[in-house]
C-alpha atoms as a PDB file:
ATOM      1  CA  MET A   1      97.007   4.583 261.709  1.00  0.00           C
ATOM      2  CA  SER A   2      96.776   0.631 261.462  1.00  0.00           C
ATOM      3  CA  ALA A   3      97.970  -0.205 258.022  1.00  0.00           C
ATOM      4  CA  GLY A   4      97.372  -3.963 257.878  1.00  0.00           C
ATOM      5  CA  ARG A   5     100.555  -5.723 256.350  1.00  0.00           C
ATOM      6  CA  SER A   6     102.881  -2.814 257.118  1.00  0.00           C
ATOM      7  CA  ASP A   7     101.917  -2.730 260.802  1.00  0.00           C
ATOM      8  CA  LEU A   8     101.709   1.130 261.690  1.00  0.00           C
ATOM      9  CA  VAL A   9     102.087   4.241 259.537  1.00  0.00           C
ATOM     10  CA  ALA A  10     102.359   7.666 261.178  1.00  0.00           C
ATOM     11  CA  ILE A  11     100.545  10.403 259.184  1.00  0.00           C
ATOM     12  CA  ASP A  12     100.834  14.392 259.845  1.00  0.00           C
ATOM     13  CA  VAL A  13      97.403  15.683 259.450  1.00  0.00           C
ATOM     14  CA  SER A  14      98.148  19.129 260.585  1.00  0.00           C
ATOM     15  CA  THR A  15      96.998  20.265 257.260  1.00  0.00           C
ATOM     16  CA  PRO A  16      94.033  18.088 256.630  1.00  0.00           C
ATOM     17  CA  ALA A  17      93.889  18.749 252.907  1.00  0.00           C
ATOM     18  CA  ARG A  18      97.500  17.396 252.637  1.00  0.00           C
ATOM     19  CA  PRO A  19      98.037  14.437 254.756  1.00  0.00           C
ATOM     20  CA  VAL A  20     101.832  13.500 254.780  1.00  0.00           C
ATOM     21  CA  PRO A  21     103.241  10.089 255.842  1.00  0.00           C
ATOM     22  CA  VAL A  22     106.010  10.799 258.577  1.00  0.00           C
ATOM     23  CA  GLY A  23     107.242   7.454 259.625  1.00  0.00           C
ATOM     24  CA  GLY A  24     106.025   3.919 260.489  1.00  0.00           C
ATOM     25  CA  ILE A  25     106.808   0.507 261.908  1.00  0.00           C
ATOM     26  CA  GLY A  26     107.004  -2.631 260.139  1.00  0.00           C
ATOM     27  CA  ASP A  27     107.411  -4.054 256.595  1.00  0.00           C
ATOM     28  CA  VAL A  28     105.096  -5.491 254.174  1.00  0.00           C
ATOM     29  CA  ASP A  29     107.101  -8.629 253.632  1.00  0.00           C
ATOM     30  CA  ASP A  30     107.443  -9.685 257.301  1.00  0.00           C
ATOM     31  CA  GLU A  31     104.157 -11.683 257.256  1.00  0.00           C
ATOM     32  CA  GLN A  32     102.567  -9.795 260.297  1.00  0.00           C
ATOM     33  CA  ALA A  33      99.400  -7.860 260.023  1.00  0.00           C
ATOM     34  CA  THR A  34      97.860  -5.220 262.429  1.00  0.00           C
ATOM     35  CA  TRP A  35      94.345  -5.268 262.833  1.00  0.00           C
ATOM     36  CA  GLY A  36      93.936  -2.396 265.640  1.00  0.00           C
ATOM     37  CA  LEU A  37      95.746   0.219 267.678  1.00  0.00           C
ATOM     38  CA  SER A  38      95.318   2.015 270.751  1.00  0.00           C
ATOM     39  CA  LEU A  39      97.226   5.314 271.885  1.00  0.00           C
ATOM     40  CA  ARG A  40      97.901   6.047 275.567  1.00  0.00           C
ATOM     41  CA  GLY A  41     100.363   8.573 276.721  1.00  0.00           C
ATOM     42  CA  ASP A  42     103.678   7.982 274.885  1.00  0.00           C
ATOM     43  CA  ARG A  43     102.797   4.400 273.922  1.00  0.00           C
ATOM     44  CA  VAL A  44     101.107   2.849 270.820  1.00  0.00           C
ATOM     45  CA  TYR A  45      99.662  -0.653 271.302  1.00  0.00           C
ATOM     46  CA  LEU A  46      99.427  -2.873 268.196  1.00  0.00           C
ATOM     47  CA  SER A  47      97.179  -5.803 267.935  1.00  0.00           C
ATOM     48  CA  TYR A  48      97.893  -8.534 265.578  1.00  0.00           C
ATOM     49  CA  ILE A  49      95.949 -11.745 264.408  1.00  0.00           C
ATOM     50  CA  ARG A  50      96.919 -14.647 262.478  1.00  0.00           C
ATOM     51  CA  THR A  51      95.258 -15.356 259.235  1.00  0.00           C
ATOM     52  CA  PHE A  52      95.512 -18.082 256.634  1.00  0.00           C
ATOM     53  CA  GLY A  53      95.232 -15.966 253.517  1.00  0.00           C
ATOM     54  CA  ILE A  54      92.045 -13.814 253.787  1.00  0.00           C
ATOM     55  CA  PRO A  55      92.558 -11.087 253.032  1.00  0.00           C
ATOM     56  CA  PHE A  56      96.072 -11.790 253.359  1.00  0.00           C
ATOM     57  CA  ARG A  57      98.311 -14.121 255.104  1.00  0.00           C
ATOM     58  CA  ALA A  58      99.681 -13.223 258.458  1.00  0.00           C
ATOM     59  CA  ASN A  59     101.615 -15.838 260.656  1.00  0.00           C
ATOM     60  CA  TRP A  60     101.617 -14.157 264.187  1.00  0.00           C
ATOM     61  CA  ALA A  61      98.971 -13.055 266.846  1.00  0.00           C
ATOM     62  CA  GLY A  62      99.321 -11.073 269.737  1.00  0.00           C
ATOM     63  CA  VAL A  63     100.130  -7.247 270.870  1.00  0.00           C
ATOM     64  CA  LYS A  64     103.234  -5.131 270.537  1.00  0.00           C
ATOM     65  CA  VAL A  65     103.960  -2.075 272.422  1.00  0.00           C
ATOM     66  CA  PHE A  66     106.124   0.888 271.155  1.00  0.00           C
ATOM     67  CA  ARG A  67     107.186   4.242 272.805  1.00  0.00           C
ATOM     68  CA  ILE A  68     106.649   7.098 270.523  1.00  0.00           C
ATOM     69  CA  GLU A  69     108.589  10.291 270.504  1.00  0.00           C
ATOM     70  CA  ARG A  70     106.479  13.394 269.983  1.00  0.00           C
END
């Protein structure tokens, strides 16, 4: 799921009543903020926007692509 300031958080929802974080990409201190994601095959695409403090500051805009292992 898109996690705002921390880029991407992977959650295991195989037991819906007990979702468990299992990994992620990014750091809350890196001043980059994801606002969307898309999954296709073994790749996840994260979209970023640049903001000037609302709801938080982000200093980069663009798209990053990551390969995921299942």
